Amino acid sequence: MVSVYSSLPSIDNVAQLRVKVTSGLDNEQLLYPDKPLAAPALLRLVEPNTPAATPVTFSVSFRPTFNADVTVDVEALDVTQASLGRGTSAPQPLNLGAVTYTRVIVTPPTCDPTAPARSCGDGYTCALVCDQNSQPNQLCFSAGKANPGDPCADTTDCAPGSGCFEFTTCSTVAKPMKTCRKFCTLDADCGAGSSCIPGISCGNTSTSLRICSRPCDPTGDATGGCASGLHCFIFAGGITDCACPQ
């Protein structure tokens, strides 16, 4: 009996699971379900520690030649048969006449936030996701139309090449302060008046990711062209950026 979970809070819109079972020199491949699902019946994989988490569960019958420890590899596929991630179980001993239980945690593939079309495909963006242990993951999401500097609710609102970031010091549960920010490698990626700044982290875990500062006008009104709730400030090197009011 195989139970499938996600390494993230959820992996949605799973149409089918591609499964490979290996025991010693023998292996067997199958699809669950036999035919890909379509909306609204698509599967959803959840984290094992999610309250009342229900895994996607299916059973596999083994040939008599399967007599060594068994491992199960699962790849989640969307409706186009593109991979949403994969995972492999720990080896489990087989007991003749008994049920063997195993768990597989599917992890989405990593991607490049500065080149989402190449690593995710057209219409997608690649963004940073922090898991429950504050570990960073770079994952593909359907992109939105909000440009860098525009307000956002989550990464799926932001245009390709950008992600949704929260200004924690001036956010509240009732009114989170978030805007789209463009990912970058060099200052040249950001355009005139903007700089490629480091310091992106998941809790206390630092990452190598950088985002562009947001050009704004500190000589105008308080917002200086920033999203509502943010003010324009001048930082080292004369670079302007939007930040929480001091």
Foldseek 3Di string as FASTA:
>chain_A
DEFEAAQAQKDWQFFKKWKWKDAVPDIDIAMVPNGGHDPPVGDMHGDPPDVVDDTDDDDDDDDPVRQHFMKMKIFTAHPVRDTQFIWMWDTHGDDPPDDTYIYTYTYGDAADQQCCCVGPNPQKGWDWDQHPVFDIGIHIDRDADADFQAWDDWQNNHHHQWTKDWQPVQADPVGTTIGIWGKDDAQVVADPLKGWDADDGRVPGGDRITTIFDHFDQVDPQCRPGPPQWGWDQDPPRRIHTHHDD
